[in-house]
């Protein structure tokens, strides 16, 4: 297994007085796709918001390429190599497609000394070039998600984190989104993805982590998880002991 590009050690985080995450440990090996699944309220979105710097870790450590990043703000984590695409509010709907890309490139592009070519990015998202002048708010849900991914990639991330990228999409765009994620990963970007469409996500993933009640209940190879007979119980966190598969 590749060395981790991102490691989480004993992380606690939450809102108000209570912790949603209760000592989460996981590694994202370099060049791989990790899918995070579990019931609603298990802490999936809380975890990636914490990793993105939008929510502080109350305990534990977040390590990016051997460097502790707990104290870095969200913009500084982007510069360090972590991009995050939330499920909602991930583009400027009152701006055109081209304006969204230009803003992303201005504020995030080339953060490590090289401004990525727009054409290079759009090669991953063939539906966008013909819609440069369209308002982003008038795009279909799938097109908006493609645009959000393209904007996030202007930061040339080492780690791309996605929160429910296929939520609400048609079957066609669900397939297209997962194909885009595979292409992004093939370019060397490590991906951490929260996804309700567990089976389709696991088919393109290397690792599956199941969260339940703010704790890791299973950390296993994605293909092994797909072979489990009672995947529905696994998805809803009915796992009595942690398991690890290399």
Protein backbone atom coordinates (compact mmCIF):
# COMPACT_ATOMS: atom_id res chain seq x y z
CA UNK A 1 0.00 0.00 0.00
CA UNK A 2 1.22 3.50 -0.84
CA UNK A 3 2.34 5.84 1.93
CA UNK A 4 -0.48 8.11 3.12
CA UNK A 5 -0.71 11.60 1.68
CA UNK A 6 -3.22 12.47 4.43
CA UNK A 7 -3.49 10.95 7.91
CA UNK A 8 -6.02 11.50 10.67
CA UNK A 9 -5.12 10.51 14.22
CA UNK A 10 -7.65 10.49 17.06
CA UNK A 11 -9.66 13.44 15.75
CA UNK A 12 -12.57 14.82 17.75
CA UNK A 13 -14.76 17.59 16.33
CA UNK A 14 -18.30 18.85 16.49
CA UNK A 15 -20.70 21.72 16.88
CA UNK A 16 -21.58 23.40 20.16
CA UNK A 17 -20.72 21.44 23.27
CA UNK A 18 -20.90 17.93 21.83
CA UNK A 19 -18.50 15.93 19.70
CA UNK A 20 -19.73 14.42 16.43
CA UNK A 21 -16.35 12.82 15.71
CA UNK A 22 -15.06 10.74 18.60
CA UNK A 23 -11.49 9.74 17.89
CA UNK A 24 -11.38 9.13 14.14
CA UNK A 25 -8.28 7.48 12.65
CA UNK A 26 -7.73 6.92 8.95
CA UNK A 27 -5.10 7.15 6.23
CA UNK A 28 -5.56 8.21 2.62
CA UNK A 29 -2.80 6.46 0.66
CA UNK A 30 -1.22 8.53 -2.08
CA UNK A 31 -2.84 8.12 -5.49
CA UNK A 32 -5.91 6.27 -4.25
CA UNK A 33 -9.66 6.85 -3.87
CA UNK A 34 -11.19 6.40 -0.42
CA UNK A 35 -14.98 6.36 -0.06
CA UNK A 36 -16.51 7.21 3.28
CA UNK A 37 -19.96 5.75 3.96
CA UNK A 38 -22.30 5.45 6.92
CA UNK A 39 -25.72 6.50 8.22
CA UNK A 40 -26.93 10.07 8.37
CA UNK A 41 -25.45 11.82 11.39
CA UNK A 42 -22.45 9.51 11.60
CA UNK A 43 -19.98 12.36 11.05
CA UNK A 44 -19.02 12.00 7.38
CA UNK A 45 -19.51 15.62 6.36
CA UNK A 46 -18.18 16.79 9.71
CA UNK A 47 -14.96 14.89 9.05
CA UNK A 48 -14.23 16.40 5.66
CA UNK A 49 -15.14 19.90 6.89
CA UNK A 50 -12.63 19.36 9.69
CA UNK A 51 -10.00 18.18 7.22
CA UNK A 52 -10.70 21.21 5.01
CA UNK A 53 -10.18 23.60 7.93
CA UNK A 54 -13.79 24.78 8.12
CA UNK A 55 -14.25 23.19 11.55
CA UNK A 56 -11.51 22.91 14.18
CA UNK A 57 -10.30 19.58 15.46
CA UNK A 58 -10.79 19.66 19.23
CA UNK A 59 -8.42 16.78 19.75
CA UNK A 60 -6.14 14.72 17.55
CA UNK A 61 -3.92 15.46 14.61
CA UNK A 62 -4.32 16.01 10.86
CA UNK A 63 -1.16 15.36 8.87
CA UNK A 64 -0.64 16.23 5.20
CA UNK A 65 2.51 14.76 3.67
CA UNK A 66 4.14 14.50 7.08
CA UNK A 67 3.18 18.05 8.12
CA UNK A 68 0.68 18.77 10.88
CA UNK A 69 -1.94 21.14 9.47
CA UNK A 70 -4.34 21.53 12.40
CA UNK A 71 -3.50 25.20 12.82
CA UNK A 72 -3.77 26.09 9.12
CA UNK A 73 -6.83 28.04 7.98
CA UNK A 74 -8.98 26.74 5.15
CA UNK A 75 -7.29 28.98 2.51
CA UNK A 76 -3.86 27.88 3.72
CA UNK A 77 -4.89 24.23 3.47
CA UNK A 78 -5.86 24.86 -0.15
CA UNK A 79 -2.37 26.25 -0.73
CA UNK A 80 -0.92 23.21 1.04
CA UNK A 81 -2.73 20.93 -1.40
CA UNK A 82 -6.25 20.17 -0.12
CA UNK A 83 -9.32 21.08 -2.20
CA UNK A 84 -12.89 20.56 -1.00
CA UNK A 85 -16.13 20.49 -3.02
CA UNK A 86 -19.16 20.75 -0.72
CA UNK A 87 -22.47 19.21 -1.66
CA UNK A 88 -24.17 22.60 -2.02
CA UNK A 89 -23.17 26.21 -2.67
CA UNK A 90 -20.07 25.08 -4.55
CA UNK A 91 -20.29 27.55 -7.47
CA UNK A 92 -21.44 31.14 -8.06
CA UNK A 93 -24.80 30.69 -9.74
CA UNK A 94 -25.13 34.36 -10.76
CA UNK A 95 -21.88 34.21 -12.76
CA UNK A 96 -21.22 32.50 -16.07
CA UNK A 97 -19.31 29.25 -16.39
CA UNK A 98 -16.27 31.12 -17.69
CA UNK A 99 -16.45 33.69 -14.88
CA UNK A 100 -16.55 30.89 -12.30
CA UNK A 101 -13.46 29.31 -13.84
CA UNK A 102 -11.62 32.62 -14.04
CA UNK A 103 -12.38 33.43 -10.41
CA UNK A 104 -11.24 30.00 -9.31
CA UNK A 105 -8.06 30.31 -11.35
CA UNK A 106 -7.37 33.79 -9.94
CA UNK A 107 -7.86 32.84 -6.30
CA UNK A 108 -6.74 29.21 -6.31
CA UNK A 109 -4.94 28.46 -9.55
CA UNK A 110 -1.23 27.88 -9.68
CA UNK A 111 -0.83 28.03 -5.90
CA UNK A 112 2.39 26.01 -6.17
CA UNK A 113 3.90 28.05 -8.97
CA UNK A 114 2.14 26.76 -12.09
CA UNK A 115 -1.14 28.11 -13.42
CA UNK A 116 -3.03 25.17 -14.91
CA UNK A 117 -4.29 25.48 -18.46
CA UNK A 118 -8.05 25.84 -18.64
CA UNK A 119 -8.17 23.63 -21.73
CA UNK A 120 -6.32 20.93 -19.82
CA UNK A 121 -8.95 20.97 -17.09
CA UNK A 122 -11.87 21.12 -19.47
CA UNK A 123 -10.61 18.01 -21.20
CA UNK A 124 -11.93 16.21 -18.13
CA UNK A 125 -15.36 17.85 -18.42
CA UNK A 126 -16.44 17.83 -22.09
CA UNK A 127 -19.90 19.32 -21.44
CA UNK A 128 -18.52 22.65 -20.16
CA UNK A 129 -16.69 24.27 -23.11
CA UNK A 130 -19.91 24.86 -25.04
CA UNK A 131 -21.49 26.64 -22.10
CA UNK A 132 -18.90 29.27 -21.18
CA UNK A 133 -21.41 32.11 -21.54
CA UNK A 134 -24.25 30.37 -19.71
CA UNK A 135 -25.13 31.39 -16.19
CA UNK A 136 -23.97 28.66 -13.84
CA UNK A 137 -27.36 28.73 -12.14
CA UNK A 138 -29.00 27.69 -15.41
CA UNK A 139 -26.90 24.55 -15.79
CA UNK A 140 -28.23 21.11 -14.97
CA UNK A 141 -27.27 19.60 -11.64
CA UNK A 142 -24.67 17.40 -13.29
CA UNK A 143 -23.15 20.31 -15.22
CA UNK A 144 -22.94 22.39 -12.04
CA UNK A 145 -21.13 19.57 -10.29
CA UNK A 146 -18.69 19.25 -13.19
CA UNK A 147 -18.05 23.00 -12.97
CA UNK A 148 -17.44 22.76 -9.21
CA UNK A 149 -14.91 19.98 -9.79
CA UNK A 150 -13.14 21.98 -12.50
CA UNK A 151 -12.93 25.01 -10.20
CA UNK A 152 -11.51 22.91 -7.37
CA UNK A 153 -8.86 21.47 -9.66
CA UNK A 154 -7.46 24.90 -10.50
CA UNK A 155 -5.72 24.69 -7.12
CA UNK A 156 -3.72 21.70 -8.39
CA UNK A 157 -4.62 19.72 -5.26
CA UNK A 158 -2.80 16.73 -3.89
CA UNK A 159 -6.02 15.73 -2.11
CA UNK A 160 -9.52 16.32 -3.48
CA UNK A 161 -12.41 15.92 -1.03
CA UNK A 162 -15.96 15.53 -2.34
CA UNK A 163 -19.17 15.63 -0.31
CA UNK A 164 -21.94 13.65 -2.03
CA UNK A 165 -20.87 14.43 -5.61
CA UNK A 166 -23.72 12.39 -7.15
CA UNK A 167 -26.52 13.68 -4.88
CA UNK A 168 -29.66 14.48 -6.86
CA UNK A 169 -28.12 13.70 -10.24
CA UNK A 170 -29.60 11.72 -13.10
CA UNK A 171 -28.15 8.26 -13.80
CA UNK A 172 -26.23 9.69 -16.77
CA UNK A 173 -24.57 12.43 -14.75
CA UNK A 174 -23.94 10.08 -11.85
CA UNK A 175 -21.95 7.90 -14.24
CA UNK A 176 -20.20 10.96 -15.68
CA UNK A 177 -19.23 12.25 -12.23
CA UNK A 178 -17.69 8.93 -11.22
CA UNK A 179 -15.84 8.75 -14.55
CA UNK A 180 -14.51 12.28 -13.92
CA UNK A 181 -13.35 11.25 -10.45
CA UNK A 182 -11.48 8.29 -11.97
CA UNK A 183 -9.78 10.60 -14.48
CA UNK A 184 -8.80 13.07 -11.77
CA UNK A 185 -7.34 10.25 -9.71
CA UNK A 186 -5.45 8.94 -12.74
CA UNK A 187 -3.72 12.35 -12.88
CA UNK A 188 -2.22 11.62 -9.45
CA UNK A 189 -4.78 13.33 -7.23
CA UNK A 190 -5.78 11.38 -4.11
CA UNK A 191 -9.54 11.46 -3.53
CA UNK A 192 -11.57 11.27 -0.31
CA UNK A 193 -15.25 11.01 -1.14
CA UNK A 194 -18.41 10.96 0.97
CA UNK A 195 -21.09 9.23 -1.09
CA UNK A 196 -24.58 7.85 -0.53
CA UNK A 197 -24.40 5.87 -3.77
CA UNK A 198 -22.18 3.37 -2.03
CA UNK A 199 -22.02 0.57 -4.58
CA UNK A 200 -21.13 2.78 -7.55
CA UNK A 201 -18.60 4.70 -5.47
CA UNK A 202 -16.94 1.57 -4.16
CA UNK A 203 -16.54 0.23 -7.69
CA UNK A 204 -14.06 3.02 -8.46
CA UNK A 205 -12.46 3.13 -5.00
CA UNK A 206 -9.46 1.48 -3.41
CA UNK A 207 -10.57 1.78 0.20
CA UNK A 208 -13.85 1.99 2.11
CA UNK A 209 -14.20 3.51 5.56
CA UNK A 210 -17.49 3.15 7.44
CA UNK A 211 -18.35 5.73 10.08
CA UNK A 212 -21.04 5.16 12.69
CA UNK A 213 -21.69 7.34 15.73
CA UNK A 214 -18.56 9.36 15.01
CA UNK A 215 -16.21 6.38 15.02
CA UNK A 216 -14.55 4.25 12.35
CA UNK A 217 -16.33 0.90 12.35
CA UNK A 218 -14.68 -0.60 9.28
CA UNK A 219 -11.59 0.19 7.22
CA UNK A 220 -11.21 -2.27 4.36
CA UNK A 221 -10.37 -2.67 0.69
CA UNK A 222 -13.32 -1.48 -1.40
CA UNK A 223 -13.51 -4.68 -3.43
CA UNK A 224 -13.71 -6.73 -0.23
CA UNK A 225 -16.57 -4.56 1.03
CA UNK A 226 -18.45 -5.07 -2.25
CA UNK A 227 -18.23 -8.82 -1.68
CA UNK A 228 -19.87 -8.61 1.75
CA UNK A 229 -23.30 -10.19 1.78
CA UNK A 230 -25.01 -7.68 4.03
CA UNK A 231 -23.78 -4.41 2.55
CA UNK A 232 -26.97 -2.62 3.64
CA UNK A 233 -26.31 -3.37 7.31
CA UNK A 234 -22.72 -2.30 6.83
CA UNK A 235 -23.84 0.94 5.22
CA UNK A 236 -26.09 1.75 8.14
CA UNK A 237 -23.31 1.20 10.61
CA UNK A 238 -24.34 -2.19 11.94
CA UNK A 239 -20.73 -3.27 12.37
CA UNK A 240 -19.80 -4.64 15.76
CA UNK A 241 -16.02 -4.56 15.47
CA UNK A 242 -13.45 -2.74 13.46
CA UNK A 243 -11.84 -4.63 10.60
CA UNK A 244 -8.86 -3.73 8.50
CA UNK A 245 -7.86 -5.20 5.17
CA UNK A 246 -4.69 -4.35 3.32
